[in-house]
Protein backbone atom coordinates (compact mmCIF):
# COMPACT_ATOMS: atom_id res chain seq x y z
CA MET A 1 0.00 0.00 0.00
CA LEU A 2 1.46 3.29 -1.18
CA PHE A 3 0.38 6.65 0.25
CA ALA A 4 1.05 9.53 -2.15
CA PRO A 5 0.48 13.12 -1.01
CA HIS A 6 -0.28 14.26 -4.59
CA PRO A 7 -0.84 12.78 -8.04
CA ASP A 8 2.71 12.49 -9.50
CA ASP A 9 4.48 11.34 -6.32
CA GLU A 10 3.84 7.71 -7.27
CA SER A 11 5.78 8.24 -10.52
CA LEU A 12 8.57 10.43 -9.15
CA ALA A 13 9.46 8.31 -6.11
CA CYS A 14 7.98 4.83 -6.50
CA SER A 15 7.77 3.91 -10.21
CA ILE A 16 10.47 1.24 -9.96
CA LEU A 17 9.00 -0.14 -6.75
CA LEU A 18 5.52 -0.39 -8.30
CA GLN A 19 6.85 -2.08 -11.43
CA GLN A 20 8.70 -4.66 -9.37
CA ALA A 21 5.62 -5.25 -7.20
CA VAL A 22 3.53 -5.81 -10.35
CA HIS A 23 6.17 -8.19 -11.71
CA ALA A 24 6.09 -10.13 -8.42
CA ARG A 25 2.27 -10.33 -8.72
CA ALA A 26 1.81 -8.54 -5.43
CA ALA A 27 -1.57 -7.06 -4.58
CA ILE A 28 -1.26 -3.26 -4.75
CA ARG A 29 -3.18 -0.30 -3.38
CA VAL A 30 -2.34 3.35 -4.10
CA VAL A 31 -3.91 6.05 -1.92
CA TYR A 32 -3.74 9.67 -3.10
CA VAL A 33 -4.27 11.92 -0.11
CA THR A 34 -4.86 15.16 -2.07
CA ASP A 35 -5.79 15.83 -5.69
CA GLY A 36 -2.99 18.37 -6.12
CA ASP A 37 -5.66 20.93 -7.02
CA ASP A 38 -4.01 23.94 -5.36
CA ASN A 39 -0.95 24.28 -7.60
CA PRO A 40 -1.93 27.52 -9.33
CA TRP A 41 1.06 28.50 -11.43
CA PRO A 42 1.01 25.73 -14.06
CA GLN A 43 -2.78 26.04 -14.17
CA ARG A 44 -2.51 29.77 -14.87
CA VAL A 45 -0.01 29.14 -17.64
CA LEU A 46 -1.89 26.29 -19.28
CA GLU A 47 -5.35 27.85 -19.00
CA ARG A 48 -4.14 31.42 -19.62
CA ARG A 49 -6.12 32.87 -16.75
CA TRP A 50 -4.94 34.66 -13.63
CA ARG A 51 -7.88 34.40 -11.29
CA LEU A 52 -8.74 30.88 -10.17
CA ASN A 53 -11.83 30.03 -8.15
CA ALA A 54 -12.95 26.87 -6.37
CA THR A 55 -14.52 25.47 -9.55
CA ASP A 56 -11.25 25.99 -11.44
CA ARG A 57 -9.31 24.17 -8.73
CA ARG A 58 -11.71 21.24 -8.71
CA ARG A 59 -11.37 20.95 -12.48
CA TRP A 60 -7.59 20.99 -12.10
CA GLY A 61 -7.80 18.29 -9.45
CA ARG A 62 -9.87 16.06 -11.76
CA LEU A 63 -7.27 16.53 -14.48
CA ARG A 64 -4.47 15.54 -12.13
CA ARG A 65 -6.43 12.44 -11.09
CA THR A 66 -6.69 11.47 -14.76
CA GLU A 67 -2.94 11.92 -15.18
CA ALA A 68 -2.24 9.74 -12.14
CA LEU A 69 -4.43 6.93 -13.45
CA ALA A 70 -2.68 7.13 -16.83
CA ALA A 71 0.73 6.91 -15.12
CA LEU A 72 -0.35 3.89 -13.09
CA ARG A 73 -1.53 2.13 -16.26
CA VAL A 74 1.95 2.63 -17.70
CA LEU A 75 3.39 1.06 -14.54
CA GLY A 76 0.98 -1.88 -14.75
CA VAL A 77 -1.26 -0.89 -11.82
CA ASN A 78 -4.99 -1.27 -12.37
CA GLY A 79 -7.19 1.74 -11.70
CA SER A 80 -9.37 -0.35 -9.39
CA ALA A 81 -6.45 -0.39 -6.95
CA VAL A 82 -6.59 3.40 -6.50
CA ARG A 83 -8.31 5.55 -3.90
CA PHE A 84 -8.50 9.36 -3.81
CA LEU A 85 -9.12 11.01 -0.44
CA ALA A 86 -9.29 14.65 -1.68
CA LEU A 87 -7.87 16.21 1.47
CA PRO A 88 -6.97 19.91 1.04
CA ASP A 89 -3.89 20.39 -1.12
CA GLN A 90 -1.13 22.61 0.36
CA LYS A 91 -2.96 22.61 3.70
CA LEU A 92 -1.98 19.35 5.39
CA THR A 93 0.28 21.16 7.85
CA ALA A 94 -2.58 23.43 8.86
CA MET A 95 -4.80 20.36 9.31
CA LEU A 96 -2.15 18.67 11.40
CA MET A 97 -1.86 21.62 13.75
CA CYS A 98 -5.56 22.40 14.09
CA ASP A 99 -7.95 19.49 13.69
CA CYS A 100 -6.91 16.33 11.90
CA GLN A 101 -8.44 13.68 14.17
CA SER A 102 -11.06 12.71 11.59
CA ALA A 103 -8.34 12.43 8.94
CA LEU A 104 -6.26 10.22 11.26
CA GLU A 105 -9.24 7.94 11.82
CA ARG A 106 -9.84 7.77 8.09
CA LEU A 107 -6.21 6.84 7.39
CA ALA A 108 -6.27 4.22 10.16
CA ALA A 109 -9.44 2.66 8.74
CA ILE A 110 -7.91 2.42 5.25
CA ILE A 111 -4.82 0.64 6.57
CA ALA A 112 -6.81 -1.68 8.84
CA ASP A 113 -9.29 -2.54 6.10
CA TRP A 114 -6.67 -3.73 3.62
CA SER A 115 -4.05 -4.90 6.15
CA PRO A 116 -0.97 -4.53 3.91
CA THR A 117 2.19 -6.52 4.39
CA ASP A 118 4.21 -3.49 3.29
CA LEU A 119 3.23 0.13 3.79
CA VAL A 120 5.09 2.81 1.80
CA VAL A 121 4.74 6.37 3.11
CA PRO A 122 6.44 9.78 2.78
CA SER A 123 9.39 10.62 4.99
CA ILE A 124 9.08 13.28 7.68
CA SER A 125 12.35 14.65 6.25
CA ASP A 126 10.75 15.62 2.92
CA THR A 127 10.89 19.40 2.43
CA HIS A 128 7.43 19.67 0.86
CA PRO A 129 5.16 20.60 3.79
CA ASP A 130 2.31 18.36 2.56
CA HIS A 131 4.66 15.38 2.39
CA SER A 132 6.16 15.83 5.84
CA ALA A 133 2.77 16.62 7.42
CA LEU A 134 1.27 13.45 5.95
CA ALA A 135 4.29 11.54 7.26
CA VAL A 136 3.58 12.82 10.77
CA MET A 137 -0.11 11.92 10.44
CA LEU A 138 0.75 8.37 9.41
CA ARG A 139 3.27 8.00 12.25
CA LEU A 140 0.57 9.07 14.68
CA VAL A 141 -1.79 6.51 13.17
CA LEU A 142 0.76 3.70 13.27
CA SER A 143 1.92 4.39 16.82
CA GLU A 144 -1.57 4.83 18.26
CA SER A 145 -3.81 2.49 16.26
CA PHE A 146 -1.49 -0.37 15.35
CA SER A 147 1.31 -0.41 17.92
CA ALA A 148 -0.03 -3.42 19.83
CA SER A 149 -1.84 -5.18 17.02
CA SER A 150 -0.80 -8.25 15.12
CA THR A 151 -0.91 -6.14 11.94
CA THR A 152 2.33 -4.29 12.64
CA GLU A 153 4.10 -7.51 13.62
CA ARG A 154 4.00 -8.54 9.98
CA MET A 155 3.75 -5.14 8.28
CA GLY A 156 6.92 -3.46 7.09
CA VAL A 157 6.71 0.34 6.97
CA TRP A 158 8.97 2.04 4.43
CA THR A 159 9.53 5.75 3.88
CA TYR A 160 10.47 7.62 0.70
CA THR A 161 11.49 11.19 -0.11
CA VAL A 162 10.65 13.22 -3.19
CA HIS A 163 11.88 16.70 -2.28
CA GLY A 164 15.09 17.79 -0.58
CA ARG A 165 18.42 16.11 0.15
CA SER A 166 17.98 15.26 3.80
CA PRO A 167 21.04 13.47 5.24
CA ALA A 168 18.72 11.88 7.81
CA PHE A 169 17.07 10.04 4.93
CA PHE A 170 19.62 9.72 2.12
CA ASP A 171 22.55 8.69 4.31
CA ARG A 172 20.59 5.68 5.59
CA ALA A 173 18.07 4.75 2.88
CA LYS A 174 18.78 1.85 0.51
CA ALA A 175 18.61 2.35 -3.24
CA ILE A 176 16.41 0.04 -5.32
CA ARG A 177 18.17 -1.49 -8.30
CA GLN A 178 16.56 -0.55 -11.58
CA SER A 179 17.06 -1.87 -15.07
CA GLN A 180 17.10 0.22 -18.25
CA PRO A 181 13.61 -0.99 -19.27
CA GLU A 182 12.29 -0.05 -15.81
CA THR A 183 13.88 3.39 -16.11
CA ALA A 184 12.31 3.87 -19.54
CA THR A 185 8.91 2.90 -18.16
CA LYS A 186 9.35 5.30 -15.25
CA LEU A 187 10.09 8.08 -17.71
CA ARG A 188 6.89 7.30 -19.61
CA ALA A 189 4.92 7.38 -16.35
CA ILE A 190 6.36 10.78 -15.41
CA ARG A 191 5.46 12.13 -18.86
CA CYS A 192 1.81 11.34 -18.12
CA HIS A 193 1.80 14.23 -15.63
CA LYS A 194 1.66 16.86 -18.35
CA THR A 195 0.32 19.59 -16.09
CA GLN A 196 3.37 19.37 -13.85
CA LEU A 197 5.85 19.20 -16.73
CA LYS A 198 4.74 22.60 -17.99
CA LEU A 199 6.90 24.52 -15.50
CA SER A 200 9.11 21.77 -14.05
CA ARG A 201 9.97 19.60 -17.05
CA LYS A 202 13.71 19.27 -16.51
CA ARG A 203 13.37 18.58 -12.80
CA PHE A 204 10.57 16.05 -13.23
CA LEU A 205 12.22 14.11 -16.05
CA GLY A 206 15.43 14.02 -14.02
CA TYR A 207 13.68 11.83 -11.43
CA ALA A 208 13.61 8.99 -13.96
CA HIS A 209 17.34 8.45 -13.52
CA ARG A 210 17.57 9.20 -9.81
CA PRO A 211 17.70 5.93 -7.86
CA GLU A 212 14.60 5.32 -5.76
CA ARG A 213 15.40 4.88 -2.08
CA LEU A 214 13.48 3.40 0.82
CA LEU A 215 14.19 3.62 4.54
CA ARG A 216 12.48 1.19 6.87
CA LEU A 217 10.72 2.98 9.69
CA GLY A 218 12.40 2.14 12.96
CA ALA A 219 15.54 0.78 11.31
CA ASP A 220 17.63 3.56 12.84
CA ASP A 221 15.97 5.71 15.47
CA LYS A 222 18.88 8.11 15.88
CA ILE A 223 17.67 11.68 15.36
CA ILE A 224 19.82 13.85 13.10
CA ALA A 225 19.78 17.64 13.05
CA GLU A 226 18.39 19.19 9.87
CA GLY A 227 18.03 22.69 8.52
CA SER A 228 18.35 25.44 11.11
CA ILE A 229 17.68 23.19 14.10
CA VAL A 230 21.07 22.31 15.54
CA SER A 231 20.06 20.13 18.46
CA ILE A 232 17.13 19.09 20.62
CA SER A 233 17.43 17.85 24.17
CA GLY A 234 14.93 16.79 26.76
CA LEU A 235 15.25 18.42 30.15
CA PRO A 236 13.36 17.12 33.21
CA HIS A 237 10.26 19.17 32.45
CA SER A 238 10.95 20.92 29.15
CA LEU A 239 12.19 20.58 25.61
CA ARG A 240 15.20 22.68 24.58
CA VAL A 241 15.64 23.48 20.90
CA GLU A 242 18.86 25.08 19.70
CA VAL A 243 18.64 26.96 16.42
CA ARG A 244 21.00 28.81 14.13
CA LEU A 245 19.45 30.91 11.38
CA SER A 246 21.85 31.99 8.70
CA PRO A 247 20.61 34.72 6.33
CA LYS A 248 18.70 33.23 3.41
CA THR A 249 17.33 34.76 0.26
CA ILE A 250 13.73 34.58 -0.89
CA ARG A 251 12.12 33.58 2.39
CA THR A 252 8.37 34.13 2.22
CA SER A 253 7.66 34.17 5.96
CA GLU A 254 9.35 34.45 9.33
CA PRO A 255 10.61 31.24 11.00
CA ILE A 256 8.14 29.50 13.33
CA LEU A 257 8.85 26.60 15.65
CA PHE A 258 6.14 23.93 15.94
CA VAL A 259 5.94 21.30 18.69
CA LEU A 260 3.16 18.74 18.23
CA GLY A 261 1.93 16.03 20.57
CA ARG A 262 -1.04 14.87 22.60
CA ASN A 263 -2.08 16.02 26.05
CA GLU A 264 -2.94 13.70 28.92
CA GLY A 265 -6.52 13.50 27.63
CA GLY A 266 -5.33 12.27 24.24
CA ALA A 267 -6.16 15.44 22.31
CA LEU A 268 -3.67 16.74 19.76
CA ARG A 269 -1.89 19.88 20.92
CA CYS A 270 0.45 22.12 18.94
CA VAL A 271 2.62 24.85 20.43
CA THR A 272 3.73 27.53 17.97
CA MET A 273 6.64 29.84 18.79
CA ARG A 274 7.85 32.61 16.53
CA VAL A 275 11.61 32.93 16.30
CA PRO A 276 12.56 36.49 17.30
CA ALA A 277 13.79 38.96 14.72
CA ARG A 278 16.82 40.82 16.08
CA SER A 279 15.47 40.86 19.61
CA SER A 280 15.23 38.61 22.63
CA SER A 281 11.44 38.54 22.63
CA VAL A 282 9.53 35.45 21.60
CA GLU A 283 5.81 35.18 21.08
CA MET A 284 4.17 31.96 22.18
CA VAL A 285 1.17 31.84 19.89
CA ASP A 286 -0.60 28.85 21.43
CA PRO A 287 -1.19 28.55 24.30
CA ALA A 288 -0.42 32.15 25.26
CA SER A 289 -0.38 31.55 29.01
CA LEU A 290 2.46 29.00 29.07
CA ASP A 291 5.74 29.84 30.72
CA ARG A 292 8.66 29.72 28.35
CA VAL A 293 12.32 30.63 28.17
CA ALA A 294 13.97 32.01 25.07
CA MET A 295 17.37 33.59 24.70
CA ALA A 296 18.95 34.69 21.50
CA GLN A 297 21.56 36.91 19.97
CA TYR A 298 22.85 37.83 16.57
CA ARG A 299 26.40 37.34 15.40
CA GLY A 300 26.75 39.14 12.12
CA ASN A 301 23.47 38.43 10.37
CA ALA A 302 22.89 34.99 11.88
CA PHE A 303 20.39 34.38 14.68
CA ILE A 304 21.66 31.94 17.28
CA GLY A 305 19.85 30.90 20.39
CA GLN A 306 17.74 28.39 22.29
CA LEU A 307 14.01 28.04 22.75
CA THR A 308 12.68 26.09 25.71
CA ILE A 309 9.13 24.77 25.79
CA PRO A 310 7.49 23.11 28.82
CA LEU A 311 6.54 19.48 28.31
CA SER A 312 3.76 19.56 30.89
CA ILE A 313 1.14 20.07 28.19
CA PHE A 314 2.22 16.88 26.38
CA SER A 315 1.68 13.29 27.42
CA SER A 316 4.84 11.19 27.71
CA ALA A 317 2.83 8.24 26.42
CA HIS A 318 2.47 9.75 22.94
CA ALA A 319 4.73 10.84 20.11
CA ILE A 320 6.19 14.35 20.01
CA PHE A 321 7.26 16.07 16.78
CA VAL A 322 9.24 19.27 16.21
CA LYS A 323 9.62 21.43 13.12
CA LEU A 324 11.11 24.84 12.36
CA GLU A 325 9.11 26.22 9.46
CA ARG A 326 11.28 28.41 7.25
CA ARG A 327 9.77 28.41 3.79
CA SER A 328 11.12 29.36 0.41
CA TRP A 329 8.03 29.60 -1.79
CA PHE A 330 6.07 26.48 -0.77
CA PHE A 331 9.06 24.34 0.19
CA ASP A 332 10.42 24.11 3.73
CA GLU A 333 14.07 24.27 4.68
CA ALA A 334 13.63 20.89 6.42
CA GLY A 335 10.91 18.51 7.52
CA TRP A 336 9.76 17.35 10.97
CA LEU A 337 11.80 15.62 13.66
CA ASP A 338 10.39 12.77 15.76
CA VAL A 339 11.50 13.26 19.37
CA SER A 340 9.01 10.86 20.91
CA PRO A 341 9.58 9.90 24.54
CA THR A 342 11.47 6.69 25.25
CA PRO A 343 9.98 3.96 27.48
CA ASP A 344 11.47 5.69 30.55
CA GLY A 345 9.62 8.89 29.65
CA GLN A 346 12.66 10.87 28.50
CA VAL A 347 12.62 12.74 25.22
CA ALA A 348 15.23 11.45 22.78
CA GLU A 349 18.15 13.78 22.21
CA LEU A 350 18.98 14.94 18.74
CA GLU A 351 22.46 14.19 17.46
CA HIS A 352 24.68 17.26 17.82
CA ARG A 353 26.59 18.53 14.81
CA ALA A 354 29.59 20.83 14.60
CA THR A 355 27.38 23.81 13.79
CA GLU A 356 26.14 24.00 17.36
CA ALA A 357 29.38 25.63 18.47
CA GLY A 358 28.84 29.14 19.72
CA LEU A 359 25.17 28.81 20.62
CA LEU A 360 24.10 30.95 23.52
CA ALA A 361 23.61 28.92 26.67
CA ILE A 362 20.49 29.16 28.78
CA HIS A 363 20.46 28.78 32.55
């Protein structure tokens, strides 16, 4: 069972895998979580219109569904094996932080109903926010709905990345061997996504020759720093996040730190903290009444500092995820980090890298 955030991800990241599964006569299911209907720029170019309304986006989503089905036919996957969920494109992060419980239940029901032997899902390290948000949703589902069931005892969970060059993924993932005929078929599948080739032709066609990689979930639980997050450590009652923000060009919004988990009642809770801009002040957006510690300074043009968030609002029995959102257009600098508590209740520490030198200490 393959979960694809958008129509085209099946071709870009899993064409070889799907071909080999078809050749092995494996039963296959492909689940598209969104229709990719909120990708306005190629639609504006192809349809020669600037203003797009809800009807225009739905029409675009139907077109992208058609392209996905055509690509799957090229790969040998029958259209009856496909399911479209039509969750909001470009808004999975917002769903994750606000109210995604119904979506989690829906995803859990799909997995339980078909009971796959192998589940293929996006990596939380993917830099597309929809991809990494879906990855977090699926981790929540797997840890909470299947952790003690017989299903997970025989179900392998594999992650893939489409966007970004995350060392956390690429340094550990295994490449799938592909033959020249398989590569040629993958290229034909990618060409079926004509809407996406309009503005990204070179990049999309380049995926045909990039080896597909899979990383088994749980194969290596060591957490590796990515993007501007240098390290994460669990204190007795708080989570300390060390960040270093070098100046970047074309950033569309200010950096925001997200910490996601469940409270003692089992409800999802997300704390959002804005990274200060040339000051020591930090705004805790939700919940506003929480105590917090934040210290920062600038050296040259780079922000360096630590943000400390109390863990009292999160249950130690559930997963905890951290992300520093720092977008360039609609891509993030990095994905999410899973810092879920260990059996003894301690939050796992993120592996320190050399870039942490010089960070301002907090006492």
